[in-house]
Amino acid sequence: MLRNDAQPGFTVLFNEGEPLGPQRRQLARDLAASLTAAGFLPYTQGYGELYDADDVPGVYVDRRGLKMLRTPEVPSVIIETHHALDPAEVACWKRPETHASFAQAVSAGIDTWLAR
């Protein structure tokens, strides 16, 4: 069984390409702040050349040019909820209360972003 419990945490990925780059960055930062405030641990180990770390823990800038991050006409991000090879995180994400807490944190992050 593959296992890696040394790199837990969520990530929020975004593309900084224009014209929505600044809005995507702020959305990613607001979501990461809300997730962290809700008790979720941000991943901080880095992705090598695929993504650059932002100043906000857990936020990474897409350097691959993923279409799903650069093409939509509204600001879009990807939230990776946990490290799938970390048994403790996998167990946590099987609990309904984790899903509820995540949903509330995402909603709060979006509310913060919309209020700007």
PDB file of N, CA and C in Angstrom:
ATOM      1  N   MET A   1       0.837  -1.179   0.000  1.00  0.00           N
ATOM      2  CA  MET A   1       0.000   0.000   0.000  1.00  0.00           C
ATOM      3  C   MET A   1       0.887   1.250   0.000  1.00  0.00           C
ATOM      4  N   LEU A   2       0.614   2.148  -0.926  1.00  0.00           N
ATOM      5  CA  LEU A   2       1.323   3.420  -0.961  1.00  0.00           C
ATOM      6  C   LEU A   2       0.903   4.258   0.233  1.00  0.00           C
ATOM      7  N   ARG A   3       1.870   4.934   0.826  1.00  0.00           N
ATOM      8  CA  ARG A   3       1.573   5.745   2.011  1.00  0.00           C
ATOM      9  C   ARG A   3       2.508   6.947   2.047  1.00  0.00           C
ATOM     10  N   ASN A   4       1.957   8.092   2.408  1.00  0.00           N
ATOM     11  CA  ASN A   4       2.758   9.295   2.611  1.00  0.00           C
ATOM     12  C   ASN A   4       2.016  10.169   3.609  1.00  0.00           C
ATOM     13  N   ASP A   5       2.404  10.075   4.873  1.00  0.00           N
ATOM     14  CA  ASP A   5       1.744  10.896   5.875  1.00  0.00           C
ATOM     15  C   ASP A   5       2.626  12.055   6.336  1.00  0.00           C
ATOM     16  N   ALA A   6       3.619  12.379   5.501  1.00  0.00           N
ATOM     17  CA  ALA A   6       4.523  13.489   5.823  1.00  0.00           C
ATOM     18  C   ALA A   6       4.105  14.792   5.145  1.00  0.00           C
ATOM     19  N   GLN A   7       3.091  14.757   4.282  1.00  0.00           N
ATOM     20  CA  GLN A   7       2.703  15.945   3.531  1.00  0.00           C
ATOM     21  C   GLN A   7       1.185  16.136   3.526  1.00  0.00           C
ATOM     22  N   PRO A   8       0.572  16.267   4.708  1.00  0.00           N
ATOM     23  CA  PRO A   8      -0.879  16.454   4.730  1.00  0.00           C
ATOM     24  C   PRO A   8      -1.270  17.861   4.296  1.00  0.00           C
ATOM     25  N   GLY A   9      -2.549  18.042   4.042  1.00  0.00           N
ATOM     26  CA  GLY A   9      -3.065  19.382   3.832  1.00  0.00           C
ATOM     27  C   GLY A   9      -3.790  19.622   2.524  1.00  0.00           C
ATOM     28  N   PHE A  10      -4.533  20.733   2.504  1.00  0.00           N
ATOM     29  CA  PHE A  10      -5.261  21.162   1.310  1.00  0.00           C
ATOM     30  C   PHE A  10      -4.383  22.086   0.473  1.00  0.00           C
ATOM     31  N   THR A  11      -4.746  22.232  -0.796  1.00  0.00           N
ATOM     32  CA  THR A  11      -4.148  23.255  -1.647  1.00  0.00           C
ATOM     33  C   THR A  11      -5.262  23.933  -2.445  1.00  0.00           C
ATOM     34  N   VAL A  12      -5.018  25.188  -2.781  1.00  0.00           N
ATOM     35  CA  VAL A  12      -5.899  25.918  -3.689  1.00  0.00           C
ATOM     36  C   VAL A  12      -5.020  26.359  -4.852  1.00  0.00           C
ATOM     37  N   LEU A  13      -5.355  25.873  -6.036  1.00  0.00           N
ATOM     38  CA  LEU A  13      -4.570  26.144  -7.240  1.00  0.00           C
ATOM     39  C   LEU A  13      -5.291  27.175  -8.105  1.00  0.00           C
ATOM     40  N   PHE A  14      -4.528  28.090  -8.697  1.00  0.00           N
ATOM     41  CA  PHE A  14      -5.131  29.078  -9.593  1.00  0.00           C
ATOM     42  C   PHE A  14      -4.145  29.424 -10.702  1.00  0.00           C
ATOM     43  N   ASN A  15      -4.664  30.040 -11.768  1.00  0.00           N
ATOM     44  CA  ASN A  15      -3.852  30.513 -12.885  1.00  0.00           C
ATOM     45  C   ASN A  15      -3.889  32.032 -12.858  1.00  0.00           C
ATOM     46  N   GLU A  16      -2.716  32.659 -12.961  1.00  0.00           N
ATOM     47  CA  GLU A  16      -2.672  34.122 -12.872  1.00  0.00           C
ATOM     48  C   GLU A  16      -2.750  34.822 -14.222  1.00  0.00           C
ATOM     49  N   GLY A  17      -3.075  34.093 -15.279  1.00  0.00           N
ATOM     50  CA  GLY A  17      -3.201  34.701 -16.599  1.00  0.00           C
ATOM     51  C   GLY A  17      -4.306  35.749 -16.644  1.00  0.00           C
ATOM     52  N   GLU A  18      -4.090  36.743 -17.462  1.00  0.00           N
ATOM     53  CA  GLU A  18      -5.060  37.834 -17.618  1.00  0.00           C
ATOM     54  C   GLU A  18      -6.243  37.355 -18.444  1.00  0.00           C
ATOM     55  N   PRO A  19      -7.397  37.954 -18.344  1.00  0.00           N
ATOM     56  CA  PRO A  19      -7.697  39.146 -17.557  1.00  0.00           C
ATOM     57  C   PRO A  19      -8.158  38.836 -16.123  1.00  0.00           C
ATOM     58  N   LEU A  20      -8.399  37.570 -15.773  1.00  0.00           N
ATOM     59  CA  LEU A  20      -8.969  37.244 -14.467  1.00  0.00           C
ATOM     60  C   LEU A  20      -7.945  36.866 -13.408  1.00  0.00           C
ATOM     61  N   GLY A  21      -6.664  36.916 -13.746  1.00  0.00           N
ATOM     62  CA  GLY A  21      -5.625  36.488 -12.824  1.00  0.00           C
ATOM     63  C   GLY A  21      -5.701  37.098 -11.432  1.00  0.00           C
ATOM     64  N   PRO A  22      -5.822  38.415 -11.312  1.00  0.00           N
ATOM     65  CA  PRO A  22      -5.896  39.009  -9.974  1.00  0.00           C
ATOM     66  C   PRO A  22      -7.128  38.548  -9.184  1.00  0.00           C
ATOM     67  N   GLN A  23      -8.252  38.370  -9.869  1.00  0.00           N
ATOM     68  CA  GLN A  23      -9.461  37.892  -9.191  1.00  0.00           C
ATOM     69  C   GLN A  23      -9.293  36.440  -8.739  1.00  0.00           C
ATOM     70  N   ARG A  24      -8.668  35.611  -9.588  1.00  0.00           N
ATOM     71  CA  ARG A  24      -8.419  34.211  -9.216  1.00  0.00           C
ATOM     72  C   ARG A  24      -7.494  34.140  -8.005  1.00  0.00           C
ATOM     73  N   ARG A  25      -6.443  34.959  -8.013  1.00  0.00           N
ATOM     74  CA  ARG A  25      -5.503  34.963  -6.885  1.00  0.00           C
ATOM     75  C   ARG A  25      -6.224  35.324  -5.593  1.00  0.00           C
ATOM     76  N   GLN A  26      -7.049  36.362  -5.615  1.00  0.00           N
ATOM     77  CA  GLN A  26      -7.746  36.769  -4.396  1.00  0.00           C
ATOM     78  C   GLN A  26      -8.738  35.703  -3.945  1.00  0.00           C
ATOM     79  N   LEU A  27      -9.446  35.093  -4.883  1.00  0.00           N
ATOM     80  CA  LEU A  27     -10.369  34.009  -4.542  1.00  0.00           C
ATOM     81  C   LEU A  27      -9.611  32.860  -3.885  1.00  0.00           C
ATOM     82  N   ALA A  28      -8.481  32.473  -4.456  1.00  0.00           N
ATOM     83  CA  ALA A  28      -7.672  31.389  -3.887  1.00  0.00           C
ATOM     84  C   ALA A  28      -7.210  31.743  -2.480  1.00  0.00           C
ATOM     85  N   ARG A  29      -6.761  32.966  -2.293  1.00  0.00           N
ATOM     86  CA  ARG A  29      -6.299  33.396  -0.968  1.00  0.00           C
ATOM     87  C   ARG A  29      -7.436  33.425   0.051  1.00  0.00           C
ATOM     88  N   ASP A  30      -8.602  33.924  -0.359  1.00  0.00           N
ATOM     89  CA  ASP A  30      -9.742  33.977   0.556  1.00  0.00           C
ATOM     90  C   ASP A  30     -10.202  32.572   0.938  1.00  0.00           C
ATOM     91  N   LEU A  31     -10.214  31.663  -0.024  1.00  0.00           N
ATOM     92  CA  LEU A  31     -10.590  30.279   0.276  1.00  0.00           C
ATOM     93  C   LEU A  31      -9.582  29.629   1.218  1.00  0.00           C
ATOM     94  N   ALA A  32      -8.298  29.812   0.968  1.00  0.00           N
ATOM     95  CA  ALA A  32      -7.271  29.220   1.829  1.00  0.00           C
ATOM     96  C   ALA A  32      -7.363  29.773   3.248  1.00  0.00           C
ATOM     97  N   ALA A  33      -7.588  31.065   3.376  1.00  0.00           N
ATOM     98  CA  ALA A  33      -7.712  31.663   4.709  1.00  0.00           C
ATOM     99  C   ALA A  33      -8.914  31.091   5.451  1.00  0.00           C
ATOM    100  N   SER A  34     -10.015  30.922   4.757  1.00  0.00           N
ATOM    101  CA  SER A  34     -11.217  30.383   5.372  1.00  0.00           C
ATOM    102  C   SER A  34     -11.038  28.916   5.763  1.00  0.00           C
ATOM    103  N   LEU A  35     -10.401  28.141   4.892  1.00  0.00           N
ATOM    104  CA  LEU A  35     -10.149  26.729   5.204  1.00  0.00           C
ATOM    105  C   LEU A  35      -9.220  26.602   6.409  1.00  0.00           C
ATOM    106  N   THR A  36      -8.194  27.431   6.458  1.00  0.00           N
ATOM    107  CA  THR A  36      -7.263  27.405   7.584  1.00  0.00           C
ATOM    108  C   THR A  36      -7.982  27.798   8.874  1.00  0.00           C
ATOM    109  N   ALA A  37      -8.813  28.829   8.815  1.00  0.00           N
ATOM    110  CA  ALA A  37      -9.559  29.268   9.995  1.00  0.00           C
ATOM    111  C   ALA A  37     -10.509  28.174  10.494  1.00  0.00           C
ATOM    112  N   ALA A  38     -10.994  27.334   9.571  1.00  0.00           N
ATOM    113  CA  ALA A  38     -11.891  26.237   9.940  1.00  0.00           C
ATOM    114  C   ALA A  38     -11.138  25.031  10.497  1.00  0.00           C
ATOM    115  N   GLY A  39      -9.798  25.109  10.517  1.00  0.00           N
ATOM    116  CA  GLY A  39      -9.004  24.022  11.088  1.00  0.00           C
ATOM    117  C   GLY A  39      -8.370  23.078  10.091  1.00  0.00           C
ATOM    118  N   PHE A  40      -8.549  23.347   8.803  1.00  0.00           N
ATOM    119  CA  PHE A  40      -7.905  22.509   7.794  1.00  0.00           C
ATOM    120  C   PHE A  40      -6.443  22.934   7.666  1.00  0.00           C
ATOM    121  N   LEU A  41      -5.574  21.974   7.485  1.00  0.00           N
ATOM    122  CA  LEU A  41      -4.139  22.215   7.417  1.00  0.00           C
ATOM    123  C   LEU A  41      -3.720  22.520   5.977  1.00  0.00           C
ATOM    124  N   PRO A  42      -3.035  23.644   5.723  1.00  0.00           N
ATOM    125  CA  PRO A  42      -2.566  23.925   4.360  1.00  0.00           C
ATOM    126  C   PRO A  42      -1.314  23.116   4.038  1.00  0.00           C
ATOM    127  N   TYR A  43      -1.275  22.585   2.833  1.00  0.00           N
ATOM    128  CA  TYR A  43      -0.090  21.882   2.332  1.00  0.00           C
ATOM    129  C   TYR A  43       0.973  22.928   2.012  1.00  0.00           C
ATOM    130  N   THR A  44       2.208  22.700   2.465  1.00  0.00           N
ATOM    131  CA  THR A  44       3.264  23.693   2.263  1.00  0.00           C
ATOM    132  C   THR A  44       4.561  23.096   1.730  1.00  0.00           C
ATOM    133  N   GLN A  45       4.522  21.863   1.247  1.00  0.00           N
ATOM    134  CA  GLN A  45       5.751  21.200   0.798  1.00  0.00           C
ATOM    135  C   GLN A  45       6.184  21.596  -0.609  1.00  0.00           C
ATOM    136  N   GLY A  46       5.306  22.224  -1.371  1.00  0.00           N
ATOM    137  CA  GLY A  46       5.662  22.658  -2.728  1.00  0.00           C
ATOM    138  C   GLY A  46       5.412  21.592  -3.775  1.00  0.00           C
ATOM    139  N   TYR A  47       5.382  22.027  -5.025  1.00  0.00           N
ATOM    140  CA  TYR A  47       5.088  21.173  -6.167  1.00  0.00           C
ATOM    141  C   TYR A  47       6.214  21.152  -7.195  1.00  0.00           C
ATOM    142  N   GLY A  48       7.370  21.642  -6.853  1.00  0.00           N
ATOM    143  CA  GLY A  48       8.440  21.692  -7.839  1.00  0.00           C
ATOM    144  C   GLY A  48       8.133  22.712  -8.913  1.00  0.00           C
ATOM    145  N   GLU A  49       8.304  22.313 -10.164  1.00  0.00           N
ATOM    146  CA  GLU A  49       8.109  23.241 -11.286  1.00  0.00           C
ATOM    147  C   GLU A  49       6.658  23.369 -11.739  1.00  0.00           C
ATOM    148  N   LEU A  50       5.764  22.529 -11.210  1.00  0.00           N
ATOM    149  CA  LEU A  50       4.373  22.554 -11.663  1.00  0.00           C
ATOM    150  C   LEU A  50       3.614  23.781 -11.169  1.00  0.00           C
ATOM    151  N   TYR A  51       3.846  24.151  -9.913  1.00  0.00           N
ATOM    152  CA  TYR A  51       3.140  25.266  -9.298  1.00  0.00           C
ATOM    153  C   TYR A  51       4.113  26.052  -8.436  1.00  0.00           C
ATOM    154  N   ASP A  52       3.957  27.360  -8.409  1.00  0.00           N
ATOM    155  CA  ASP A  52       4.746  28.230  -7.532  1.00  0.00           C
ATOM    156  C   ASP A  52       3.928  28.529  -6.281  1.00  0.00           C
ATOM    157  N   ALA A  53       4.584  28.533  -5.134  1.00  0.00           N
ATOM    158  CA  ALA A  53       3.896  28.868  -3.889  1.00  0.00           C
ATOM    159  C   ALA A  53       3.561  30.349  -3.857  1.00  0.00           C
ATOM    160  N   ASP A  54       2.369  30.655  -3.396  1.00  0.00           N
ATOM    161  CA  ASP A  54       1.924  32.023  -3.167  1.00  0.00           C
ATOM    162  C   ASP A  54       2.369  32.429  -1.762  1.00  0.00           C
ATOM    163  N   ASP A  55       2.178  33.683  -1.409  1.00  0.00           N
ATOM    164  CA  ASP A  55       2.503  34.151  -0.061  1.00  0.00           C
ATOM    165  C   ASP A  55       1.581  33.556   0.999  1.00  0.00           C
ATOM    166  N   VAL A  56       0.385  33.134   0.608  1.00  0.00           N
ATOM    167  CA  VAL A  56      -0.575  32.555   1.538  1.00  0.00           C
ATOM    168  C   VAL A  56      -0.382  31.038   1.570  1.00  0.00           C
ATOM    169  N   PRO A  57      -0.152  30.462   2.751  1.00  0.00           N
ATOM    170  CA  PRO A  57       0.050  29.009   2.839  1.00  0.00           C
ATOM    171  C   PRO A  57      -1.119  28.230   2.235  1.00  0.00           C
ATOM    172  N   GLY A  58      -0.778  27.229   1.429  1.00  0.00           N
ATOM    173  CA  GLY A  58      -1.780  26.392   0.790  1.00  0.00           C
ATOM    174  C   GLY A  58      -2.194  26.849  -0.591  1.00  0.00           C
ATOM    175  N   VAL A  59      -1.738  28.039  -1.011  1.00  0.00           N
ATOM    176  CA  VAL A  59      -2.109  28.584  -2.320  1.00  0.00           C
ATOM    177  C   VAL A  59      -0.930  28.430  -3.275  1.00  0.00           C
ATOM    178  N   TYR A  60      -1.227  27.933  -4.494  1.00  0.00           N
ATOM    179  CA  TYR A  60      -0.193  27.693  -5.497  1.00  0.00           C
ATOM    180  C   TYR A  60      -0.635  28.205  -6.858  1.00  0.00           C
ATOM    181  N   VAL A  61       0.317  28.787  -7.597  1.00  0.00           N
ATOM    182  CA  VAL A  61       0.080  29.348  -8.922  1.00  0.00           C
ATOM    183  C   VAL A  61       0.391  28.292  -9.971  1.00  0.00           C
ATOM    184  N   ASP A  62      -0.574  28.030 -10.845  1.00  0.00           N
ATOM    185  CA  ASP A  62      -0.425  27.050 -11.918  1.00  0.00           C
ATOM    186  C   ASP A  62       0.592  27.520 -12.944  1.00  0.00           C
ATOM    187  N   ARG A  63       1.608  26.721 -13.214  1.00  0.00           N
ATOM    188  CA  ARG A  63       2.599  27.023 -14.254  1.00  0.00           C
ATOM    189  C   ARG A  63       2.445  26.100 -15.462  1.00  0.00           C
ATOM    190  N   ARG A  64       1.485  25.178 -15.396  1.00  0.00           N
ATOM    191  CA  ARG A  64       1.276  24.241 -16.506  1.00  0.00           C
ATOM    192  C   ARG A  64       0.281  24.770 -17.524  1.00  0.00           C
ATOM    193  N   GLY A  65      -0.485  25.795 -17.133  1.00  0.00           N
ATOM    194  CA  GLY A  65      -1.491  26.332 -18.052  1.00  0.00           C
ATOM    195  C   GLY A  65      -2.715  25.452 -18.169  1.00  0.00           C
ATOM    196  N   LEU A  66      -3.139  24.855 -17.052  1.00  0.00           N
ATOM    197  CA  LEU A  66      -4.308  23.978 -17.084  1.00  0.00           C
ATOM    198  C   LEU A  66      -5.523  24.714 -17.639  1.00  0.00           C
ATOM    199  N   LYS A  67      -6.139  24.119 -18.639  1.00  0.00           N
ATOM    200  CA  LYS A  67      -7.280  24.754 -19.302  1.00  0.00           C
ATOM    201  C   LYS A  67      -8.405  25.063 -18.324  1.00  0.00           C
ATOM    202  N   MET A  68      -8.662  24.160 -17.383  1.00  0.00           N
ATOM    203  CA  MET A  68      -9.762  24.369 -16.444  1.00  0.00           C
ATOM    204  C   MET A  68      -9.506  25.535 -15.493  1.00  0.00           C
ATOM    205  N   LEU A  69      -8.261  26.000 -15.418  1.00  0.00           N
ATOM    206  CA  LEU A  69      -7.941  27.147 -14.570  1.00  0.00           C
ATOM    207  C   LEU A  69      -7.820  28.448 -15.354  1.00  0.00           C
ATOM    208  N   ARG A  70      -7.576  28.365 -16.650  1.00  0.00           N
ATOM    209  CA  ARG A  70      -7.330  29.597 -17.407  1.00  0.00           C
ATOM    210  C   ARG A  70      -8.430  29.948 -18.396  1.00  0.00           C
ATOM    211  N   THR A  71      -9.342  29.022 -18.692  1.00  0.00           N
ATOM    212  CA  THR A  71     -10.326  29.240 -19.740  1.00  0.00           C
ATOM    213  C   THR A  71     -11.677  29.793 -19.280  1.00  0.00           C
ATOM    214  N   PRO A  72     -12.201  29.395 -18.114  1.00  0.00           N
ATOM    215  CA  PRO A  72     -13.536  29.888 -17.743  1.00  0.00           C
ATOM    216  C   PRO A  72     -13.613  31.411 -17.721  1.00  0.00           C
ATOM    217  N   GLU A  73     -14.811  31.918 -18.003  1.00  0.00           N
ATOM    218  CA  GLU A  73     -15.023  33.359 -18.050  1.00  0.00           C
ATOM    219  C   GLU A  73     -15.329  33.950 -16.679  1.00  0.00           C
ATOM    220  N   VAL A  74     -15.317  33.127 -15.654  1.00  0.00           N
ATOM    221  CA  VAL A  74     -15.458  33.577 -14.266  1.00  0.00           C
ATOM    222  C   VAL A  74     -14.220  33.080 -13.522  1.00  0.00           C
ATOM    223  N   PRO A  75     -13.819  33.736 -12.446  1.00  0.00           N
ATOM    224  CA  PRO A  75     -12.659  33.272 -11.694  1.00  0.00           C
ATOM    225  C   PRO A  75     -12.859  31.832 -11.225  1.00  0.00           C
ATOM    226  N   SER A  76     -11.863  31.000 -11.463  1.00  0.00           N
ATOM    227  CA  SER A  76     -11.950  29.595 -11.094  1.00  0.00           C
ATOM    228  C   SER A  76     -10.669  29.166 -10.396  1.00  0.00           C
ATOM    229  N   VAL A  77     -10.818  28.215  -9.485  1.00  0.00           N
ATOM    230  CA  VAL A  77      -9.696  27.636  -8.758  1.00  0.00           C
ATOM    231  C   VAL A  77      -9.956  26.142  -8.622  1.00  0.00           C
ATOM    232  N   ILE A  78      -8.937  25.413  -8.220  1.00  0.00           N
ATOM    233  CA  ILE A  78      -9.089  24.009  -7.866  1.00  0.00           C
ATOM    234  C   ILE A  78      -8.701  23.879  -6.399  1.00  0.00           C
ATOM    235  N   ILE A  79      -9.553  23.229  -5.621  1.00  0.00           N
ATOM    236  CA  ILE A  79      -9.218  22.934  -4.225  1.00  0.00           C
ATOM    237  C   ILE A  79      -8.922  21.442  -4.131  1.00  0.00           C
ATOM    238  N   GLU A  80      -7.704  21.121  -3.755  1.00  0.00           N
ATOM    239  CA  GLU A  80      -7.338  19.732  -3.452  1.00  0.00           C
ATOM    240  C   GLU A  80      -7.534  19.587  -1.949  1.00  0.00           C
ATOM    241  N   THR A  81      -8.452  18.744  -1.547  1.00  0.00           N
ATOM    242  CA  THR A  81      -8.884  18.695  -0.153  1.00  0.00           C
ATOM    243  C   THR A  81      -7.887  18.049   0.797  1.00  0.00           C
ATOM    244  N   HIS A  82      -7.147  17.056   0.317  1.00  0.00           N
ATOM    245  CA  HIS A  82      -6.249  16.330   1.217  1.00  0.00           C
ATOM    246  C   HIS A  82      -5.296  15.461   0.416  1.00  0.00           C
ATOM    247  N   HIS A  83      -4.289  14.948   1.095  1.00  0.00           N
ATOM    248  CA  HIS A  83      -3.318  14.046   0.473  1.00  0.00           C
ATOM    249  C   HIS A  83      -3.888  12.631   0.541  1.00  0.00           C
ATOM    250  N   ALA A  84      -4.213  12.061  -0.599  1.00  0.00           N
ATOM    251  CA  ALA A  84      -4.893  10.766  -0.655  1.00  0.00           C
ATOM    252  C   ALA A  84      -4.033   9.601  -0.174  1.00  0.00           C
ATOM    253  N   LEU A  85      -2.735   9.804   0.006  1.00  0.00           N
ATOM    254  CA  LEU A  85      -1.871   8.732   0.506  1.00  0.00           C
ATOM    255  C   LEU A  85      -1.581   8.890   2.008  1.00  0.00           C
ATOM    256  N   ASP A  86      -2.266   9.820   2.649  1.00  0.00           N
ATOM    257  CA  ASP A  86      -2.124  10.023   4.087  1.00  0.00           C
ATOM    258  C   ASP A  86      -3.321   9.369   4.775  1.00  0.00           C
ATOM    259  N   PRO A  87      -3.099   8.231   5.461  1.00  0.00           N
ATOM    260  CA  PRO A  87      -4.222   7.491   6.052  1.00  0.00           C
ATOM    261  C   PRO A  87      -5.071   8.310   7.024  1.00  0.00           C
ATOM    262  N   ALA A  88      -4.467   9.190   7.812  1.00  0.00           N
ATOM    263  CA  ALA A  88      -5.243  10.002   8.755  1.00  0.00           C
ATOM    264  C   ALA A  88      -6.165  10.967   8.017  1.00  0.00           C
ATOM    265  N   GLU A  89      -5.658  11.566   6.943  1.00  0.00           N
ATOM    266  CA  GLU A  89      -6.504  12.486   6.172  1.00  0.00           C
ATOM    267  C   GLU A  89      -7.618  11.733   5.452  1.00  0.00           C
ATOM    268  N   VAL A  90      -7.305  10.573   4.917  1.00  0.00           N
ATOM    269  CA  VAL A  90      -8.332   9.763   4.243  1.00  0.00           C
ATOM    270  C   VAL A  90      -9.448   9.432   5.234  1.00  0.00           C
ATOM    271  N   ALA A  91      -9.074   9.015   6.438  1.00  0.00           N
ATOM    272  CA  ALA A  91     -10.071   8.685   7.462  1.00  0.00           C
ATOM    273  C   ALA A  91     -10.903   9.914   7.822  1.00  0.00           C
ATOM    274  N   CYS A  92     -10.255  11.051   7.955  1.00  0.00           N
ATOM    275  CA  CYS A  92     -10.959  12.294   8.290  1.00  0.00           C
ATOM    276  C   CYS A  92     -12.002  12.625   7.224  1.00  0.00           C
ATOM    277  N   TRP A  93     -11.637  12.454   5.961  1.00  0.00           N
ATOM    278  CA  TRP A  93     -12.539  12.815   4.866  1.00  0.00           C
ATOM    279  C   TRP A  93     -13.656  11.806   4.645  1.00  0.00           C
ATOM    280  N   LYS A  94     -13.679  10.726   5.412  1.00  0.00           N
ATOM    281  CA  LYS A  94     -14.802   9.782   5.364  1.00  0.00           C
ATOM    282  C   LYS A  94     -15.921  10.211   6.306  1.00  0.00           C
ATOM    283  N   ARG A  95     -15.650  11.196   7.157  1.00  0.00           N
ATOM    284  CA  ARG A  95     -16.634  11.636   8.148  1.00  0.00           C
ATOM    285  C   ARG A  95     -17.510  12.760   7.577  1.00  0.00           C
ATOM    286  N   PRO A  96     -18.815  12.653   7.744  1.00  0.00           N
ATOM    287  CA  PRO A  96     -19.730  13.690   7.247  1.00  0.00           C
ATOM    288  C   PRO A  96     -19.435  15.075   7.835  1.00  0.00           C
ATOM    289  N   GLU A  97     -18.989  15.138   9.083  1.00  0.00           N
ATOM    290  CA  GLU A  97     -18.725  16.444   9.687  1.00  0.00           C
ATOM    291  C   GLU A  97     -17.556  17.160   9.010  1.00  0.00           C
ATOM    292  N   THR A  98     -16.618  16.393   8.454  1.00  0.00           N
ATOM    293  CA  THR A  98     -15.520  17.010   7.694  1.00  0.00           C
ATOM    294  C   THR A  98     -16.070  17.655   6.430  1.00  0.00           C
ATOM    295  N   HIS A  99     -16.968  16.960   5.757  1.00  0.00           N
ATOM    296  CA  HIS A  99     -17.582  17.503   4.544  1.00  0.00           C
ATOM    297  C   HIS A  99     -18.379  18.768   4.863  1.00  0.00           C
ATOM    298  N   ALA A 100     -19.117  18.732   5.961  1.00  0.00           N
ATOM    299  CA  ALA A 100     -19.915  19.896   6.354  1.00  0.00           C
ATOM    300  C   ALA A 100     -19.017  21.086   6.699  1.00  0.00           C
ATOM    301  N   SER A 101     -17.948  20.837   7.424  1.00  0.00           N
ATOM    302  CA  SER A 101     -17.012  21.908   7.780  1.00  0.00           C
ATOM    303  C   SER A 101     -16.343  22.482   6.538  1.00  0.00           C
ATOM    304  N   PHE A 102     -15.970  21.611   5.610  1.00  0.00           N
ATOM    305  CA  PHE A 102     -15.366  22.049   4.354  1.00  0.00           C
ATOM    306  C   PHE A 102     -16.344  22.931   3.569  1.00  0.00           C
ATOM    307  N   ALA A 103     -17.589  22.488   3.453  1.00  0.00           N
ATOM    308  CA  ALA A 103     -18.594  23.250   2.708  1.00  0.00           C
ATOM    309  C   ALA A 103     -18.799  24.628   3.331  1.00  0.00           C
ATOM    310  N   GLN A 104     -18.861  24.681   4.659  1.00  0.00           N
ATOM    311  CA  GLN A 104     -19.031  25.967   5.333  1.00  0.00           C
ATOM    312  C   GLN A 104     -17.831  26.878   5.105  1.00  0.00           C
ATOM    313  N   ALA A 105     -16.630  26.303   5.145  1.00  0.00           N
ATOM    314  CA  ALA A 105     -15.415  27.102   4.931  1.00  0.00           C
ATOM    315  C   ALA A 105     -15.348  27.631   3.505  1.00  0.00           C
ATOM    316  N   VAL A 106     -15.710  26.807   2.531  1.00  0.00           N
ATOM    317  CA  VAL A 106     -15.707  27.257   1.135  1.00  0.00           C
ATOM    318  C   VAL A 106     -16.737  28.365   0.950  1.00  0.00           C
ATOM    319  N   SER A 107     -17.914  28.187   1.519  1.00  0.00           N
ATOM    320  CA  SER A 107     -18.943  29.221   1.428  1.00  0.00           C
ATOM    321  C   SER A 107     -18.463  30.529   2.056  1.00  0.00           C
ATOM    322  N   ALA A 108     -17.819  30.446   3.209  1.00  0.00           N
ATOM    323  CA  ALA A 108     -17.299  31.645   3.875  1.00  0.00           C
ATOM    324  C   ALA A 108     -16.205  32.318   3.036  1.00  0.00           C
ATOM    325  N   GLY A 109     -15.360  31.512   2.409  1.00  0.00           N
ATOM    326  CA  GLY A 109     -14.309  32.073   1.558  1.00  0.00           C
ATOM    327  C   GLY A 109     -14.880  32.789   0.342  1.00  0.00           C
ATOM    328  N   ILE A 110     -15.892  32.208  -0.253  1.00  0.00           N
ATOM    329  CA  ILE A 110     -16.533  32.839  -1.403  1.00  0.00           C
ATOM    330  C   ILE A 110     -17.242  34.127  -0.967  1.00  0.00           C
ATOM    331  N   ASP A 111     -17.919  34.079   0.182  1.00  0.00           N
ATOM    332  CA  ASP A 111     -18.576  35.281   0.707  1.00  0.00           C
ATOM    333  C   ASP A 111     -17.560  36.413   0.916  1.00  0.00           C
ATOM    334  N   THR A 112     -16.418  36.077   1.485  1.00  0.00           N
ATOM    335  CA  THR A 112     -15.376  37.084   1.701  1.00  0.00           C
ATOM    336  C   THR A 112     -14.930  37.669   0.374  1.00  0.00           C
ATOM    337  N   TRP A 113     -14.707  36.810  -0.597  1.00  0.00           N
ATOM    338  CA  TRP A 113     -14.260  37.262  -1.913  1.00  0.00           C
ATOM    339  C   TRP A 113     -15.322  38.152  -2.581  1.00  0.00           C
ATOM    340  N   LEU A 114     -16.573  37.744  -2.495  1.00  0.00           N
ATOM    341  CA  LEU A 114     -17.661  38.524  -3.119  1.00  0.00           C
ATOM    342  C   LEU A 114     -17.834  39.887  -2.453  1.00  0.00           C
ATOM    343  N   ALA A 115     -17.525  39.982  -1.173  1.00  0.00           N
ATOM    344  CA  ALA A 115     -17.712  41.226  -0.435  1.00  0.00           C
ATOM    345  C   ALA A 115     -16.633  42.265  -0.748  1.00  0.00           C
ATOM    346  N   ARG A 116     -15.580  41.884  -1.446  1.00  0.00           N
ATOM    347  CA  ARG A 116     -14.500  42.822  -1.759  1.00  0.00           C
ATOM    348  C   ARG A 116     -14.947  43.834  -2.787  1.00  0.00           C
TER     349      ARG A 116
END
